[in-house]
N, C-alpha and C. Protein backbone atom coordinates (compact mmCIF):
# COMPACT_ATOMS: atom_id res chain seq x y z
N UNK A 1 -7.43 -29.08 -3.15
CA UNK A 1 -8.65 -28.84 -2.73
C UNK A 1 -8.54 -27.28 -1.81
N UNK A 2 -9.39 -26.79 -1.33
CA UNK A 2 -9.39 -25.52 -0.84
C UNK A 2 -8.97 -25.78 0.78
N UNK A 3 -7.99 -25.20 1.47
CA UNK A 3 -7.67 -25.33 3.18
C UNK A 3 -8.81 -24.53 3.63
N UNK A 4 -8.92 -25.61 4.84
CA UNK A 4 -10.01 -25.27 5.70
C UNK A 4 -9.57 -24.06 6.42
N UNK A 5 -10.01 -22.59 6.79
CA UNK A 5 -9.52 -21.48 7.33
C UNK A 5 -9.81 -22.00 9.27
N UNK A 6 -11.21 -22.34 9.38
CA UNK A 6 -11.25 -22.68 10.37
C UNK A 6 -11.82 -21.13 11.51
N UNK A 7 -12.17 -21.13 12.82
CA UNK A 7 -12.54 -19.99 13.35
C UNK A 7 -11.14 -19.34 13.84
N UNK A 8 -10.68 -18.19 12.84
CA UNK A 8 -9.46 -17.70 13.72
C UNK A 8 -9.69 -16.24 14.50
N UNK A 9 -10.89 -16.29 14.63
CA UNK A 9 -11.48 -15.07 15.66
C UNK A 9 -10.65 -14.59 16.96
N UNK A 10 -10.80 -13.64 17.41
CA UNK A 10 -9.28 -13.56 18.59
C UNK A 10 -10.50 -13.34 20.04
N UNK A 11 -9.68 -13.82 20.83
CA UNK A 11 -10.26 -13.88 22.04
C UNK A 11 -10.34 -12.69 22.95
N UNK A 12 -11.25 -12.27 23.73
CA UNK A 12 -10.98 -11.00 24.47
C UNK A 12 -11.89 -9.71 24.17
N UNK A 13 -11.84 -9.16 25.15
CA UNK A 13 -12.98 -7.90 25.45
C UNK A 13 -12.68 -6.74 24.38
N UNK A 14 -13.45 -6.67 23.67
CA UNK A 14 -13.18 -5.35 22.36
C UNK A 14 -13.68 -3.80 23.36
N UNK A 15 -12.69 -3.25 24.22
CA UNK A 15 -12.98 -2.08 24.64
C UNK A 15 -11.67 -0.87 24.30
N UNK A 16 -12.18 -0.14 24.10
CA UNK A 16 -10.81 0.77 23.66
C UNK A 16 -9.92 1.28 24.48
N UNK A 17 -10.41 1.22 25.80
CA UNK A 17 -9.53 1.69 26.98
C UNK A 17 -8.29 0.04 27.70
N UNK A 18 -8.97 -0.44 27.13
CA UNK A 18 -8.40 -2.08 27.56
C UNK A 18 -6.98 -2.54 27.14
N UNK A 19 -6.57 -1.89 25.96
CA UNK A 19 -5.46 -2.00 26.09
C UNK A 19 -4.30 -0.94 25.92
N UNK A 20 -4.78 0.20 26.41
CA UNK A 20 -3.72 1.51 26.15
C UNK A 20 -2.98 1.02 27.55
N UNK A 21 -1.55 1.48 26.80
CA UNK A 21 -0.43 1.42 28.14
C UNK A 21 0.45 2.52 28.28
N UNK A 22 0.27 3.27 27.26
CA UNK A 22 0.99 4.81 27.41
C UNK A 22 0.82 5.45 26.24
N UNK A 23 1.44 6.61 26.43
CA UNK A 23 1.20 7.55 25.48
C UNK A 23 2.40 8.43 25.34
N UNK A 24 2.56 8.90 24.13
CA UNK A 24 3.73 9.81 23.25
C UNK A 24 3.65 10.83 22.82
N UNK A 25 4.58 11.54 22.28
CA UNK A 25 3.92 12.96 21.82
C UNK A 25 4.04 12.65 20.77
N UNK A 26 3.97 12.99 19.37
CA UNK A 26 4.27 12.90 18.38
C UNK A 26 3.70 14.16 17.37
N UNK A 27 4.70 13.94 16.63
CA UNK A 27 4.43 15.37 15.49
C UNK A 27 3.65 14.97 13.90
N UNK A 28 2.47 15.31 13.82
CA UNK A 28 2.03 14.72 12.62
C UNK A 28 2.42 15.62 11.33
N UNK A 29 2.60 16.46 11.77
CA UNK A 29 2.47 17.76 10.34
C UNK A 29 4.02 19.06 11.34
N UNK A 30 4.50 19.23 10.36
CA UNK A 30 5.72 19.92 11.07
C UNK A 30 5.32 21.57 11.47
N UNK A 31 4.34 22.04 11.13
CA UNK A 31 3.54 23.49 11.58
C UNK A 31 3.02 22.83 13.16
N UNK A 32 2.48 21.77 13.89
CA UNK A 32 2.04 21.45 14.55
C UNK A 32 2.52 21.38 15.86
N UNK A 33 1.96 21.35 16.97
CA UNK A 33 2.84 20.95 18.30
C UNK A 33 2.64 19.27 18.43
N UNK A 34 3.38 18.75 19.32
CA UNK A 34 3.42 17.60 19.09
C UNK A 34 2.09 16.72 20.34
N UNK A 35 1.38 15.98 19.73
CA UNK A 35 0.16 15.62 20.42
C UNK A 35 0.50 14.33 20.92
N UNK A 36 -0.11 14.06 22.16
CA UNK A 36 -0.20 13.17 23.24
C UNK A 36 -0.90 12.01 22.60
N UNK A 37 -0.52 10.64 22.01
CA UNK A 37 -0.98 10.07 21.18
C UNK A 37 -1.22 8.68 22.11
N UNK A 38 -1.95 8.14 21.91
CA UNK A 38 -2.18 6.65 23.13
C UNK A 38 -1.27 5.52 22.49
N UNK A 39 -1.01 4.65 23.14
CA UNK A 39 -0.16 3.56 22.65
C UNK A 39 -1.09 2.40 22.94
N UNK A 40 -1.40 1.31 22.39
CA UNK A 40 -2.05 -0.11 22.47
C UNK A 40 -1.13 -1.09 22.39
N UNK A 41 -1.53 -1.79 23.24
CA UNK A 41 -0.76 -3.07 22.56
C UNK A 41 -1.51 -4.22 21.92
N UNK A 42 -1.18 -4.87 20.88
CA UNK A 42 -1.74 -5.33 19.46
C UNK A 42 -2.60 -6.74 20.56
N UNK A 43 -1.83 -7.32 21.35
CA UNK A 43 -2.24 -8.67 21.91
C UNK A 43 -3.51 -7.90 22.46
N UNK A 44 -3.79 -7.25 23.02
CA UNK A 44 -4.89 -6.89 23.82
C UNK A 44 -6.28 -6.28 23.00
N UNK A 45 -5.94 -6.23 21.74
CA UNK A 45 -7.32 -5.84 20.88
C UNK A 45 -8.11 -6.79 20.47
N UNK A 46 -8.94 -7.33 21.02
CA UNK A 46 -10.03 -8.12 21.02
C UNK A 46 -10.61 -8.00 19.54
N UNK A 47 -11.27 -8.80 19.00
CA UNK A 47 -12.38 -8.72 17.77
C UNK A 47 -13.48 -7.75 17.83
N UNK A 48 -13.53 -6.61 17.15
CA UNK A 48 -14.74 -5.93 16.92
C UNK A 48 -13.98 -4.53 17.78
N UNK A 49 -12.99 -4.43 18.30
CA UNK A 49 -12.64 -3.10 18.97
C UNK A 49 -12.17 -2.57 17.46
N UNK A 50 -12.76 -1.06 18.17
CA UNK A 50 -12.29 0.03 17.45
C UNK A 50 -11.87 1.42 17.76
N UNK A 51 -11.29 2.22 16.92
CA UNK A 51 -10.74 3.91 18.10
C UNK A 51 -10.35 4.51 16.69
N UNK A 52 -10.75 6.08 16.64
CA UNK A 52 -10.36 6.76 15.55
C UNK A 52 -8.68 7.55 15.97
N UNK A 53 -7.85 7.64 14.85
CA UNK A 53 -6.50 7.84 15.32
C UNK A 53 -6.81 9.28 15.69
N UNK A 54 -5.54 9.96 16.05
CA UNK A 54 -4.60 9.49 15.96
C UNK A 54 -4.21 8.26 17.17
N UNK A 55 -3.44 7.51 16.80
CA UNK A 55 -2.88 5.98 17.81
C UNK A 55 -1.79 5.33 17.46
N UNK A 56 -1.15 4.65 18.30
CA UNK A 56 -0.11 3.87 17.98
C UNK A 56 -0.34 2.08 18.51
N UNK A 57 -0.26 1.13 17.36
CA UNK A 57 -0.83 0.17 17.94
C UNK A 57 0.63 -0.85 17.89
N UNK A 58 1.27 -1.52 19.10
CA UNK A 58 2.24 -1.95 18.79
C UNK A 58 2.32 -3.49 19.16
N UNK A 59 3.09 -4.20 18.18
CA UNK A 59 3.33 -5.62 18.72
C UNK A 59 4.91 -5.78 18.42
N UNK A 60 4.91 -7.08 18.82
CA UNK A 60 6.73 -7.86 18.56
C UNK A 60 7.28 -7.47 17.52
N UNK A 61 6.56 -7.48 16.42
CA UNK A 61 7.04 -7.70 15.15
C UNK A 61 6.82 -6.27 13.98
N UNK A 62 5.71 -5.51 14.73
CA UNK A 62 5.46 -4.34 13.67
C UNK A 62 5.12 -3.19 14.79
N UNK A 63 4.65 -1.60 14.02
CA UNK A 63 4.13 -0.85 14.63
C UNK A 63 3.28 -0.15 13.93
N UNK A 64 1.75 -0.25 14.21
CA UNK A 64 0.94 0.91 13.23
C UNK A 64 0.55 2.39 13.68
N UNK A 65 0.85 2.76 12.94
CA UNK A 65 0.73 4.30 13.23
C UNK A 65 -0.91 4.62 12.66
N UNK A 66 -1.92 5.14 13.24
CA UNK A 66 -3.04 5.69 12.64
C UNK A 66 -2.90 6.89 12.86
N UNK A 67 -3.09 7.48 11.95
CA UNK A 67 -3.11 9.14 11.61
C UNK A 67 -4.53 9.71 12.06
N UNK A 68 -4.24 11.07 12.51
CA UNK A 68 -5.44 11.54 12.53
C UNK A 68 -6.28 11.66 11.18
N UNK A 69 -7.75 11.76 10.97
CA UNK A 69 -8.34 11.26 10.32
C UNK A 69 -8.66 9.88 9.99
N UNK A 70 -7.65 9.03 10.47
CA UNK A 70 -8.38 7.54 10.37
C UNK A 70 -8.95 6.96 11.52
N UNK A 71 -8.92 5.29 11.20
CA UNK A 71 -9.80 4.81 12.47
C UNK A 71 -9.00 3.62 11.94
N UNK A 72 -9.11 2.75 13.50
CA UNK A 72 -8.54 1.43 13.05
C UNK A 72 -9.26 0.35 13.64
N UNK A 73 -10.07 -0.86 13.11
CA UNK A 73 -10.60 -1.86 13.77
C UNK A 73 -10.40 -3.57 13.82
N UNK A 74 -10.38 -4.22 14.82
CA UNK A 74 -10.05 -5.58 14.66
C UNK A 74 -10.83 -6.21 13.58
N UNK A 75 -10.98 -6.69 12.61
CA UNK A 75 -11.48 -7.39 11.88
C UNK A 75 -11.62 -9.12 12.74
N UNK A 76 -13.08 -9.67 12.41
CA UNK A 76 -13.55 -11.20 12.57
C UNK A 76 -12.32 -12.14 13.02
N UNK A 77 -11.35 -11.70 11.74
CA UNK A 77 -10.56 -12.71 11.62
C UNK A 77 -9.14 -12.10 12.02
N UNK A 78 -9.30 -11.18 12.88
CA UNK A 78 -8.01 -10.76 13.86
C UNK A 78 -7.33 -9.55 12.98
N UNK A 79 -7.34 -9.99 11.53
CA UNK A 79 -6.50 -8.19 10.82
C UNK A 79 -7.06 -7.14 11.53
N UNK A 80 -5.91 -6.04 11.26
CA UNK A 80 -6.12 -5.06 11.28
C UNK A 80 -6.79 -3.80 10.24
N UNK A 81 -7.67 -3.25 10.27
CA UNK A 81 -8.65 -2.51 9.07
C UNK A 81 -8.72 -1.21 9.49
N UNK A 82 -7.52 -0.97 8.68
CA UNK A 82 -7.62 0.98 8.88
C UNK A 82 -8.58 1.57 7.49
N UNK A 83 -9.19 2.77 7.86
CA UNK A 83 -10.06 3.01 7.22
C UNK A 83 -9.97 4.94 7.30
N UNK A 84 -10.02 5.76 6.01
CA UNK A 84 -9.69 7.31 6.29
C UNK A 84 -11.09 7.51 6.36
N UNK A 85 -11.42 8.58 7.39
CA UNK A 85 -12.79 9.03 7.40
C UNK A 85 -12.95 10.01 6.23
N UNK A 86 -14.39 9.66 5.94
CA UNK A 86 -14.65 10.54 4.77
C UNK A 86 -14.80 12.20 4.91
N UNK A 87 -15.18 12.31 6.10
CA UNK A 87 -15.88 13.75 6.09
C UNK A 87 -14.37 14.37 6.26
N UNK A 88 -13.19 14.26 6.35
CA UNK A 88 -11.75 14.79 6.78
C UNK A 88 -10.65 14.63 5.76
N UNK A 89 -10.99 14.42 4.45
CA UNK A 89 -9.90 14.66 3.34
C UNK A 89 -9.53 15.84 3.35
């Protein structure tokens, strides 16, 4: 039998700024200067949250780096979904 998944949606307010707790200088290309990059706490990102890169998402088990020309969002089941922006390839 197929297992029941139930409702795995995350609780929390989905806003871009409620989870930022730091910023770091990051070099994305050797020929560029470091860019101040916001750092988000993964646990504070609620369902529906989304933002365009560059940004960093930190949690205990991993760090996700969202590069410039990419965006991130939290799926209704809690997964991070990264998408490359079409007009910036």
